[in-house]
Amino acid sequence: MISTLEEVALHQQNIEKIELLGQLCPKLKILYLQNNLIGKIQNLHKLKELEYLNMAVNNVTKLQNLQRCESLKKLDLTINFIGKAGLLTVESLRANIHLEELFLLGNPCTDWHGYRHYVVAKLPQLKKLVGRVLGFGIGDSEGLG
């Protein structure tokens, strides 16, 4: 039954908008939406058990509408369009008290010198922040604790 699914992979489907997942699959724990055309994080507020959301390689510009995903532990937004202005929305994730890992590698915001300090100050619950690539392909992904 679709309503009992805990993991769904919808990558590379040319999806532009998240619509019915929260209603159809309320028990989701893992959701793969990478490599689509999604521009806005939305309609996931009913996913109270969601622990991992992968939205890498999409068109996301802001961190939004995840406050009610109470179990979220890991959020991957690698290679999106989150700029400096979009980074200001990171504070919306403060309500996600279980969020331990945030991936922002390949987003324009990681070019801003103070982005790491800003994110860590706004999200003290984080244990891992992966951002821009440094040097020979090594990311600045050290633990924060």
N, C-alpha and C. Protein backbone atom coordinates (compact mmCIF):
# COMPACT_ATOMS: atom_id res chain seq x y z
N MET A 1 0.84 -1.19 0.00
CA MET A 1 0.00 0.00 0.00
C MET A 1 0.88 1.25 0.00
N ILE A 2 0.51 2.18 -0.82
CA ILE A 2 1.30 3.39 -0.96
C ILE A 2 1.34 4.21 0.34
N SER A 3 0.30 4.14 1.13
CA SER A 3 0.24 4.94 2.36
C SER A 3 1.20 4.45 3.44
N THR A 4 1.76 3.25 3.28
CA THR A 4 2.69 2.72 4.28
C THR A 4 4.15 2.80 3.83
N LEU A 5 4.41 3.34 2.64
CA LEU A 5 5.78 3.45 2.15
C LEU A 5 6.64 4.29 3.08
N GLU A 6 7.87 3.86 3.32
CA GLU A 6 8.81 4.61 4.16
C GLU A 6 9.92 5.23 3.34
N GLU A 7 10.11 4.78 2.10
CA GLU A 7 11.16 5.31 1.25
C GLU A 7 10.64 5.42 -0.18
N VAL A 8 10.89 6.60 -0.79
CA VAL A 8 10.46 6.82 -2.18
C VAL A 8 11.60 7.49 -2.93
N ALA A 9 11.89 6.98 -4.12
CA ALA A 9 12.91 7.56 -4.99
C ALA A 9 12.23 8.09 -6.25
N LEU A 10 12.27 9.39 -6.42
CA LEU A 10 11.69 10.05 -7.59
C LEU A 10 12.72 10.94 -8.25
N HIS A 11 13.93 10.43 -8.39
CA HIS A 11 14.97 11.24 -9.00
C HIS A 11 14.93 11.10 -10.52
N GLN A 12 15.39 12.14 -11.18
CA GLN A 12 15.47 12.22 -12.64
C GLN A 12 14.11 12.00 -13.31
N GLN A 13 13.08 12.62 -12.76
CA GLN A 13 11.73 12.48 -13.32
C GLN A 13 11.20 13.79 -13.91
N ASN A 14 12.04 14.82 -13.98
CA ASN A 14 11.63 16.14 -14.47
C ASN A 14 10.47 16.73 -13.67
N ILE A 15 10.43 16.43 -12.39
CA ILE A 15 9.39 16.95 -11.50
C ILE A 15 9.66 18.43 -11.27
N GLU A 16 8.63 19.24 -11.39
CA GLU A 16 8.75 20.69 -11.21
C GLU A 16 8.16 21.16 -9.89
N LYS A 17 7.25 20.39 -9.33
CA LYS A 17 6.55 20.82 -8.13
C LYS A 17 6.22 19.61 -7.25
N ILE A 18 6.41 19.75 -5.95
CA ILE A 18 6.05 18.70 -4.99
C ILE A 18 4.58 18.92 -4.64
N GLU A 19 3.76 17.87 -4.84
CA GLU A 19 2.35 18.08 -4.58
C GLU A 19 1.75 17.08 -3.58
N LEU A 20 1.48 15.87 -3.93
CA LEU A 20 0.66 14.96 -3.14
C LEU A 20 1.41 14.01 -2.22
N LEU A 21 2.72 14.09 -2.15
CA LEU A 21 3.49 13.12 -1.36
C LEU A 21 3.06 13.08 0.11
N GLY A 22 2.86 14.22 0.70
CA GLY A 22 2.48 14.27 2.11
C GLY A 22 1.15 13.61 2.40
N GLN A 23 0.25 13.70 1.47
CA GLN A 23 -1.07 13.09 1.64
C GLN A 23 -1.05 11.60 1.31
N LEU A 24 -0.34 11.23 0.26
CA LEU A 24 -0.34 9.84 -0.19
C LEU A 24 0.59 8.93 0.62
N CYS A 25 1.69 9.50 1.10
CA CYS A 25 2.72 8.69 1.78
C CYS A 25 3.10 9.33 3.12
N PRO A 26 2.20 9.41 4.07
CA PRO A 26 2.48 10.11 5.33
C PRO A 26 3.54 9.44 6.21
N LYS A 27 3.89 8.20 5.92
CA LYS A 27 4.86 7.47 6.75
C LYS A 27 6.29 7.56 6.20
N LEU A 28 6.51 8.37 5.17
CA LEU A 28 7.83 8.46 4.55
C LEU A 28 8.91 8.84 5.55
N LYS A 29 10.02 8.13 5.49
CA LYS A 29 11.20 8.44 6.30
C LYS A 29 12.33 8.93 5.41
N ILE A 30 12.38 8.45 4.17
CA ILE A 30 13.44 8.81 3.23
C ILE A 30 12.81 9.20 1.90
N LEU A 31 13.18 10.37 1.40
CA LEU A 31 12.62 10.87 0.14
C LEU A 31 13.75 11.38 -0.75
N TYR A 32 13.89 10.75 -1.90
CA TYR A 32 14.89 11.13 -2.89
C TYR A 32 14.20 11.89 -4.03
N LEU A 33 14.53 13.16 -4.16
CA LEU A 33 13.97 13.98 -5.23
C LEU A 33 15.08 14.64 -6.04
N GLN A 34 16.28 14.08 -5.99
CA GLN A 34 17.41 14.72 -6.65
C GLN A 34 17.29 14.68 -8.16
N ASN A 35 17.96 15.65 -8.77
CA ASN A 35 18.06 15.77 -10.23
C ASN A 35 16.68 15.92 -10.88
N ASN A 36 15.92 16.90 -10.39
CA ASN A 36 14.64 17.26 -10.97
C ASN A 36 14.65 18.75 -11.28
N LEU A 37 13.50 19.35 -11.41
CA LEU A 37 13.38 20.77 -11.74
C LEU A 37 12.63 21.54 -10.66
N ILE A 38 12.66 21.05 -9.44
CA ILE A 38 11.89 21.63 -8.34
C ILE A 38 12.50 22.96 -7.92
N GLY A 39 11.66 24.00 -7.90
CA GLY A 39 12.13 25.34 -7.54
C GLY A 39 11.77 25.75 -6.13
N LYS A 40 10.85 25.05 -5.50
CA LYS A 40 10.38 25.45 -4.18
C LYS A 40 10.10 24.22 -3.32
N ILE A 41 10.60 24.24 -2.10
CA ILE A 41 10.29 23.17 -1.15
C ILE A 41 8.90 23.47 -0.61
N GLN A 42 7.97 22.57 -0.86
CA GLN A 42 6.59 22.80 -0.43
C GLN A 42 5.82 21.50 -0.32
N ASN A 43 4.69 21.57 0.39
CA ASN A 43 3.75 20.45 0.52
C ASN A 43 4.36 19.20 1.15
N LEU A 44 5.31 19.39 2.04
CA LEU A 44 5.90 18.26 2.77
C LEU A 44 5.55 18.31 4.26
N HIS A 45 4.73 19.27 4.66
CA HIS A 45 4.44 19.50 6.08
C HIS A 45 3.75 18.34 6.79
N LYS A 46 3.15 17.42 6.06
CA LYS A 46 2.49 16.26 6.69
C LYS A 46 3.45 15.10 6.92
N LEU A 47 4.68 15.24 6.49
CA LEU A 47 5.66 14.16 6.64
C LEU A 47 6.37 14.28 7.99
N LYS A 48 5.67 13.95 9.04
CA LYS A 48 6.18 14.08 10.41
C LYS A 48 7.31 13.10 10.71
N GLU A 49 7.40 12.00 9.96
CA GLU A 49 8.42 10.97 10.21
C GLU A 49 9.60 11.07 9.25
N LEU A 50 9.60 12.06 8.35
CA LEU A 50 10.66 12.20 7.36
C LEU A 50 11.99 12.50 8.05
N GLU A 51 12.99 11.63 7.81
CA GLU A 51 14.30 11.78 8.42
C GLU A 51 15.35 12.28 7.43
N TYR A 52 15.20 11.93 6.16
CA TYR A 52 16.20 12.29 5.15
C TYR A 52 15.51 12.79 3.89
N LEU A 53 15.86 14.00 3.48
CA LEU A 53 15.33 14.58 2.26
C LEU A 53 16.50 14.95 1.36
N ASN A 54 16.53 14.35 0.17
CA ASN A 54 17.57 14.64 -0.80
C ASN A 54 16.95 15.39 -1.96
N MET A 55 17.30 16.68 -2.07
CA MET A 55 16.83 17.52 -3.17
C MET A 55 18.02 18.10 -3.92
N ALA A 56 19.10 17.33 -4.00
CA ALA A 56 20.29 17.77 -4.73
C ALA A 56 19.95 17.93 -6.21
N VAL A 57 20.62 18.85 -6.84
CA VAL A 57 20.50 19.12 -8.28
C VAL A 57 19.04 19.43 -8.66
N ASN A 58 18.54 20.53 -8.11
CA ASN A 58 17.23 21.05 -8.42
C ASN A 58 17.37 22.56 -8.63
N ASN A 59 16.28 23.29 -8.51
CA ASN A 59 16.29 24.74 -8.70
C ASN A 59 15.89 25.50 -7.44
N VAL A 60 16.14 24.93 -6.28
CA VAL A 60 15.73 25.52 -5.01
C VAL A 60 16.55 26.78 -4.72
N THR A 61 15.86 27.85 -4.30
CA THR A 61 16.52 29.12 -3.98
C THR A 61 16.42 29.50 -2.51
N LYS A 62 15.53 28.84 -1.76
CA LYS A 62 15.32 29.16 -0.35
C LYS A 62 15.15 27.89 0.47
N LEU A 63 15.49 27.99 1.75
CA LEU A 63 15.23 26.92 2.70
C LEU A 63 13.91 27.26 3.38
N GLN A 64 12.87 26.55 3.04
CA GLN A 64 11.55 26.91 3.54
C GLN A 64 10.62 25.71 3.64
N ASN A 65 9.57 25.89 4.43
CA ASN A 65 8.46 24.94 4.53
C ASN A 65 8.84 23.55 5.03
N LEU A 66 9.85 23.46 5.86
CA LEU A 66 10.24 22.17 6.43
C LEU A 66 10.06 22.13 7.95
N GLN A 67 9.58 23.23 8.53
CA GLN A 67 9.48 23.32 9.98
C GLN A 67 8.66 22.20 10.60
N ARG A 68 7.63 21.74 9.91
CA ARG A 68 6.77 20.70 10.48
C ARG A 68 7.24 19.28 10.17
N CYS A 69 8.36 19.16 9.50
CA CYS A 69 8.98 17.84 9.30
C CYS A 69 9.83 17.59 10.55
N GLU A 70 9.16 17.21 11.61
CA GLU A 70 9.74 17.17 12.95
C GLU A 70 10.88 16.18 13.14
N SER A 71 10.95 15.16 12.32
CA SER A 71 11.97 14.13 12.48
C SER A 71 13.17 14.31 11.56
N LEU A 72 13.19 15.37 10.78
CA LEU A 72 14.24 15.58 9.78
C LEU A 72 15.63 15.63 10.42
N LYS A 73 16.51 14.72 9.96
CA LYS A 73 17.87 14.64 10.47
C LYS A 73 18.90 15.07 9.44
N LYS A 74 18.59 14.82 8.16
CA LYS A 74 19.57 15.06 7.10
C LYS A 74 18.87 15.72 5.92
N LEU A 75 19.44 16.84 5.46
CA LEU A 75 18.88 17.59 4.34
C LEU A 75 19.99 17.85 3.33
N ASP A 76 19.81 17.34 2.13
CA ASP A 76 20.81 17.50 1.08
C ASP A 76 20.27 18.42 -0.01
N LEU A 77 20.87 19.61 -0.09
CA LEU A 77 20.51 20.60 -1.10
C LEU A 77 21.71 20.90 -1.99
N THR A 78 22.56 19.93 -2.19
CA THR A 78 23.74 20.07 -3.04
C THR A 78 23.33 20.52 -4.44
N ILE A 79 24.08 21.44 -4.99
CA ILE A 79 23.89 21.98 -6.35
C ILE A 79 22.45 22.43 -6.59
N ASN A 80 22.10 23.53 -5.95
CA ASN A 80 20.85 24.23 -6.18
C ASN A 80 21.20 25.68 -6.44
N PHE A 81 20.28 26.59 -6.22
CA PHE A 81 20.52 28.01 -6.49
C PHE A 81 20.32 28.86 -5.24
N ILE A 82 20.76 28.34 -4.10
CA ILE A 82 20.62 29.07 -2.85
C ILE A 82 21.76 30.08 -2.77
N GLY A 83 21.40 31.35 -2.94
CA GLY A 83 22.37 32.44 -2.88
C GLY A 83 22.44 33.03 -1.49
N LYS A 84 23.09 34.16 -1.38
CA LYS A 84 23.24 34.82 -0.09
C LYS A 84 21.87 35.18 0.50
N ALA A 85 20.97 35.70 -0.34
CA ALA A 85 19.62 36.05 0.13
C ALA A 85 18.87 34.79 0.57
N GLY A 86 19.02 33.71 -0.17
CA GLY A 86 18.37 32.45 0.19
C GLY A 86 18.92 31.87 1.48
N LEU A 87 20.19 32.13 1.74
CA LEU A 87 20.81 31.63 2.97
C LEU A 87 20.16 32.26 4.20
N LEU A 88 19.64 33.46 4.06
CA LEU A 88 18.97 34.12 5.17
C LEU A 88 17.75 33.33 5.65
N THR A 89 17.23 32.44 4.82
CA THR A 89 16.07 31.64 5.18
C THR A 89 16.46 30.38 5.98
N VAL A 90 17.74 30.17 6.20
CA VAL A 90 18.20 28.99 6.94
C VAL A 90 17.63 28.95 8.36
N GLU A 91 17.32 30.11 8.89
CA GLU A 91 16.78 30.16 10.25
C GLU A 91 15.45 29.42 10.36
N SER A 92 14.75 29.24 9.25
CA SER A 92 13.48 28.50 9.28
C SER A 92 13.69 27.05 9.71
N LEU A 93 14.92 26.56 9.61
CA LEU A 93 15.23 25.18 10.00
C LEU A 93 15.53 25.04 11.50
N ARG A 94 15.52 26.14 12.22
CA ARG A 94 15.79 26.09 13.66
C ARG A 94 14.79 25.20 14.39
N ALA A 95 13.56 25.17 13.89
CA ALA A 95 12.51 24.34 14.51
C ALA A 95 12.77 22.85 14.33
N ASN A 96 13.61 22.49 13.39
CA ASN A 96 13.94 21.08 13.14
C ASN A 96 15.06 20.67 14.10
N ILE A 97 14.68 20.40 15.32
CA ILE A 97 15.65 20.17 16.39
C ILE A 97 16.50 18.91 16.19
N HIS A 98 16.05 18.00 15.36
CA HIS A 98 16.81 16.77 15.10
C HIS A 98 17.75 16.88 13.90
N LEU A 99 17.70 18.01 13.21
CA LEU A 99 18.53 18.19 12.02
C LEU A 99 20.00 18.22 12.41
N GLU A 100 20.74 17.23 11.91
CA GLU A 100 22.16 17.10 12.24
C GLU A 100 23.07 17.37 11.05
N GLU A 101 22.58 17.12 9.82
CA GLU A 101 23.42 17.25 8.64
C GLU A 101 22.74 18.11 7.59
N LEU A 102 23.48 19.08 7.07
CA LEU A 102 22.99 19.95 6.01
C LEU A 102 24.07 20.03 4.94
N PHE A 103 23.66 19.76 3.71
CA PHE A 103 24.58 19.77 2.57
C PHE A 103 24.22 20.92 1.65
N LEU A 104 25.16 21.85 1.47
CA LEU A 104 24.96 23.01 0.61
C LEU A 104 26.01 23.11 -0.48
N LEU A 105 26.79 22.07 -0.67
CA LEU A 105 27.85 22.05 -1.67
C LEU A 105 27.31 22.47 -3.04
N GLY A 106 28.01 23.36 -3.73
CA GLY A 106 27.63 23.76 -5.07
C GLY A 106 26.56 24.83 -5.15
N ASN A 107 26.23 25.46 -4.04
CA ASN A 107 25.28 26.57 -4.03
C ASN A 107 26.05 27.89 -3.99
N PRO A 108 25.52 28.94 -4.63
CA PRO A 108 26.21 30.23 -4.62
C PRO A 108 26.48 30.79 -3.22
N CYS A 109 25.65 30.45 -2.24
CA CYS A 109 25.84 30.98 -0.89
C CYS A 109 27.16 30.54 -0.27
N THR A 110 27.71 29.43 -0.74
CA THR A 110 28.96 28.94 -0.15
C THR A 110 30.17 29.75 -0.59
N ASP A 111 29.98 30.64 -1.56
CA ASP A 111 31.05 31.54 -1.97
C ASP A 111 31.20 32.72 -1.02
N TRP A 112 30.18 32.95 -0.21
CA TRP A 112 30.21 34.02 0.78
C TRP A 112 31.11 33.59 1.94
N HIS A 113 32.11 34.38 2.24
CA HIS A 113 33.12 34.03 3.23
C HIS A 113 32.53 33.62 4.59
N GLY A 114 31.49 34.28 5.04
CA GLY A 114 30.96 34.00 6.38
C GLY A 114 29.80 33.03 6.45
N TYR A 115 29.53 32.31 5.37
CA TYR A 115 28.33 31.47 5.36
C TYR A 115 28.35 30.39 6.43
N ARG A 116 29.50 29.75 6.66
CA ARG A 116 29.57 28.68 7.66
C ARG A 116 29.25 29.19 9.05
N HIS A 117 29.85 30.31 9.41
CA HIS A 117 29.61 30.89 10.74
C HIS A 117 28.14 31.28 10.89
N TYR A 118 27.58 31.81 9.83
CA TYR A 118 26.17 32.22 9.86
C TYR A 118 25.27 31.00 10.08
N VAL A 119 25.47 29.95 9.30
CA VAL A 119 24.63 28.75 9.40
C VAL A 119 24.76 28.11 10.78
N VAL A 120 25.97 27.99 11.26
CA VAL A 120 26.20 27.37 12.56
C VAL A 120 25.56 28.19 13.68
N ALA A 121 25.61 29.52 13.56
CA ALA A 121 24.99 30.38 14.57
C ALA A 121 23.47 30.24 14.55
N LYS A 122 22.90 30.08 13.38
CA LYS A 122 21.45 29.97 13.26
C LYS A 122 20.93 28.57 13.56
N LEU A 123 21.77 27.56 13.34
CA LEU A 123 21.35 26.17 13.55
C LEU A 123 22.32 25.44 14.48
N PRO A 124 22.26 25.73 15.76
CA PRO A 124 23.21 25.12 16.70
C PRO A 124 23.08 23.61 16.83
N GLN A 125 21.98 23.03 16.36
CA GLN A 125 21.78 21.59 16.44
C GLN A 125 22.60 20.81 15.41
N LEU A 126 23.13 21.50 14.40
CA LEU A 126 23.90 20.83 13.34
C LEU A 126 25.16 20.17 13.88
N LYS A 127 25.45 19.00 13.34
CA LYS A 127 26.70 18.31 13.65
C LYS A 127 27.61 18.27 12.43
N LYS A 128 27.02 18.44 11.23
CA LYS A 128 27.80 18.38 10.01
C LYS A 128 27.23 19.38 9.01
N LEU A 129 28.11 20.21 8.45
CA LEU A 129 27.75 21.17 7.41
C LEU A 129 28.72 20.98 6.26
N VAL A 130 28.20 20.60 5.11
CA VAL A 130 29.04 20.39 3.94
C VAL A 130 28.76 21.53 2.98
N GLY A 131 29.83 22.24 2.62
CA GLY A 131 29.67 23.41 1.77
C GLY A 131 30.58 23.39 0.57
N ARG A 132 31.17 24.53 0.28
CA ARG A 132 31.97 24.69 -0.94
C ARG A 132 33.17 23.76 -0.96
N VAL A 133 33.64 23.46 -2.14
CA VAL A 133 34.80 22.60 -2.30
C VAL A 133 36.06 23.43 -2.06
N LEU A 134 36.96 22.87 -1.30
CA LEU A 134 38.24 23.54 -1.02
C LEU A 134 39.36 22.77 -1.69
N GLY A 135 40.23 23.48 -2.34
CA GLY A 135 41.44 22.86 -2.88
C GLY A 135 41.18 21.67 -3.77
N PHE A 136 41.82 20.61 -3.55
CA PHE A 136 41.85 19.45 -4.42
C PHE A 136 40.62 18.56 -4.27
N GLY A 137 39.44 19.18 -4.32
CA GLY A 137 38.21 18.40 -4.25
C GLY A 137 37.80 18.03 -2.84
N ILE A 138 38.46 18.59 -1.87
CA ILE A 138 38.14 18.28 -0.49
C ILE A 138 37.14 19.31 0.01
N GLY A 139 36.00 18.86 0.50
CA GLY A 139 34.96 19.79 0.96
C GLY A 139 35.19 20.20 2.40
N ASP A 140 34.59 21.33 2.78
CA ASP A 140 34.69 21.78 4.16
C ASP A 140 33.56 21.14 4.96
N SER A 141 33.74 19.85 5.22
CA SER A 141 32.66 19.07 5.83
C SER A 141 32.99 18.58 7.23
N GLU A 142 33.88 19.25 7.89
CA GLU A 142 34.22 18.77 9.22
C GLU A 142 33.03 18.85 10.15
N GLY A 143 33.06 18.01 11.14
CA GLY A 143 31.99 18.02 12.13
C GLY A 143 32.00 19.33 12.88
N LEU A 144 30.88 19.61 13.54
CA LEU A 144 30.76 20.89 14.23
C LEU A 144 30.77 20.71 15.74
N GLY A 145 30.65 19.47 16.21
CA GLY A 145 30.48 19.25 17.63
C GLY A 145 31.74 19.11 18.29
